[in-house]
Amino acid sequence: MDTLQASAGGERAFSTAIEGAVRSALRAAGWESEEGAGGTIWRNPIDLHWYDELRALAIQKAGLDPGSSDY
């Protein structure tokens, strides 16, 4: 295996680990996931709306009120 292949493999492993951590954090906070052709969406346990994974993580990490107009 050359250095480029090793680097790509390491990046994939890191990306997979990050995705797993994000999913674990959202699930632990009560978010529900749904898989689709466009990726994963997450249902907020507070407002019951669905958000893409990045928005869900931002809402969870910042403690934002999904009903506000701040984002």
C-alpha atoms as a PDB file:
ATOM      1  CA  MET A   1       0.000   0.000   0.000  1.00  0.00           C
ATOM      2  CA  ASP A   2       1.465   3.351  -0.933  1.00  0.00           C
ATOM      3  CA  THR A   3       1.292   6.522   1.167  1.00  0.00           C
ATOM      4  CA  LEU A   4      -1.623   7.991  -0.790  1.00  0.00           C
ATOM      5  CA  GLN A   5      -3.759   4.874  -0.264  1.00  0.00           C
ATOM      6  CA  ALA A   6      -2.872   4.774   3.426  1.00  0.00           C
ATOM      7  CA  SER A   7      -3.807   8.429   3.773  1.00  0.00           C
ATOM      8  CA  ALA A   8      -7.142   7.926   2.027  1.00  0.00           C
ATOM      9  CA  GLY A   9      -7.897   4.917   4.238  1.00  0.00           C
ATOM     10  CA  GLY A  10      -7.071   6.918   7.345  1.00  0.00           C
ATOM     11  CA  GLU A  11      -9.287   9.789   6.221  1.00  0.00           C
ATOM     12  CA  ARG A  12     -12.197   7.404   5.603  1.00  0.00           C
ATOM     13  CA  ALA A  13     -11.750   5.850   9.038  1.00  0.00           C
ATOM     14  CA  PHE A  14     -11.649   9.300  10.652  1.00  0.00           C
ATOM     15  CA  SER A  15     -14.749  10.403   8.733  1.00  0.00           C
ATOM     16  CA  THR A  16     -16.602   7.246   9.756  1.00  0.00           C
ATOM     17  CA  ALA A  17     -15.639   7.791  13.400  1.00  0.00           C
ATOM     18  CA  ILE A  18     -16.880  11.404  13.284  1.00  0.00           C
ATOM     19  CA  GLU A  19     -20.171  10.356  11.686  1.00  0.00           C
ATOM     20  CA  GLY A  20     -20.622   7.727  14.378  1.00  0.00           C
ATOM     21  CA  ALA A  21     -19.958  10.257  17.125  1.00  0.00           C
ATOM     22  CA  VAL A  22     -22.446  12.726  15.609  1.00  0.00           C
ATOM     23  CA  ARG A  23     -25.108  10.043  15.341  1.00  0.00           C
ATOM     24  CA  SER A  24     -24.475   8.863  18.901  1.00  0.00           C
ATOM     25  CA  ALA A  25     -24.706  12.398  20.280  1.00  0.00           C
ATOM     26  CA  LEU A  26     -27.965  13.133  18.475  1.00  0.00           C
ATOM     27  CA  ARG A  27     -29.527   9.808  19.455  1.00  0.00           C
ATOM     28  CA  ALA A  28     -28.475  10.281  23.091  1.00  0.00           C
ATOM     29  CA  ALA A  29     -30.271  13.637  23.074  1.00  0.00           C
ATOM     30  CA  GLY A  30     -33.458  12.014  21.786  1.00  0.00           C
ATOM     31  CA  TRP A  31     -33.188  12.819  18.087  1.00  0.00           C
ATOM     32  CA  GLU A  32     -34.667  10.224  15.696  1.00  0.00           C
ATOM     33  CA  SER A  33     -32.980   9.493  12.364  1.00  0.00           C
ATOM     34  CA  GLU A  34     -34.460   8.577   9.011  1.00  0.00           C
ATOM     35  CA  GLU A  35     -32.366   7.409   6.067  1.00  0.00           C
ATOM     36  CA  GLY A  36     -33.230   8.403   2.523  1.00  0.00           C
ATOM     37  CA  ALA A  37     -31.738   8.751  -0.939  1.00  0.00           C
ATOM     38  CA  GLY A  38     -30.486  12.252  -0.078  1.00  0.00           C
ATOM     39  CA  GLY A  39     -28.852  11.215   3.189  1.00  0.00           C
ATOM     40  CA  THR A  40     -29.897  11.171   6.816  1.00  0.00           C
ATOM     41  CA  ILE A  41     -32.430  13.553   8.320  1.00  0.00           C
ATOM     42  CA  TRP A  42     -33.068  13.978  12.025  1.00  0.00           C
ATOM     43  CA  ARG A  43     -36.283  14.670  13.935  1.00  0.00           C
ATOM     44  CA  ASN A  44     -35.917  17.121  16.781  1.00  0.00           C
ATOM     45  CA  PRO A  45     -37.545  15.736  19.950  1.00  0.00           C
ATOM     46  CA  ILE A  46     -38.624  19.235  21.005  1.00  0.00           C
ATOM     47  CA  ASP A  47     -40.310  20.690  17.920  1.00  0.00           C
ATOM     48  CA  LEU A  48     -40.757  17.388  15.997  1.00  0.00           C
ATOM     49  CA  HIS A  49     -39.436  18.979  12.778  1.00  0.00           C
ATOM     50  CA  TRP A  50     -36.927  17.221  10.529  1.00  0.00           C
ATOM     51  CA  TYR A  51     -33.458  18.671   9.844  1.00  0.00           C
ATOM     52  CA  ASP A  52     -30.465  17.621   7.780  1.00  0.00           C
ATOM     53  CA  GLU A  53     -27.609  16.170   9.801  1.00  0.00           C
ATOM     54  CA  LEU A  54     -25.469  19.317   9.916  1.00  0.00           C
ATOM     55  CA  ARG A  55     -28.383  21.543  10.974  1.00  0.00           C
ATOM     56  CA  ALA A  56     -29.453  18.996  13.605  1.00  0.00           C
ATOM     57  CA  LEU A  57     -25.958  18.880  15.048  1.00  0.00           C
ATOM     58  CA  ALA A  58     -25.726  22.679  15.094  1.00  0.00           C
ATOM     59  CA  ILE A  59     -29.080  22.950  16.868  1.00  0.00           C
ATOM     60  CA  GLN A  60     -28.080  20.312  19.400  1.00  0.00           C
ATOM     61  CA  LYS A  61     -24.609  21.686  20.101  1.00  0.00           C
ATOM     62  CA  ALA A  62     -25.704  25.314  20.372  1.00  0.00           C
ATOM     63  CA  GLY A  63     -28.882  24.572  22.281  1.00  0.00           C
ATOM     64  CA  LEU A  64     -30.782  26.650  19.745  1.00  0.00           C
ATOM     65  CA  ASP A  65     -34.537  26.903  19.836  1.00  0.00           C
ATOM     66  CA  PRO A  66     -35.606  25.467  16.458  1.00  0.00           C
ATOM     67  CA  GLY A  67     -38.641  27.737  16.470  1.00  0.00           C
ATOM     68  CA  SER A  68     -36.556  30.903  16.550  1.00  0.00           C
ATOM     69  CA  SER A  69     -35.625  32.902  13.476  1.00  0.00           C
ATOM     70  CA  ASP A  70     -31.945  33.193  14.439  1.00  0.00           C
ATOM     71  CA  TYR A  71     -30.800  30.720  11.760  1.00  0.00           C
END
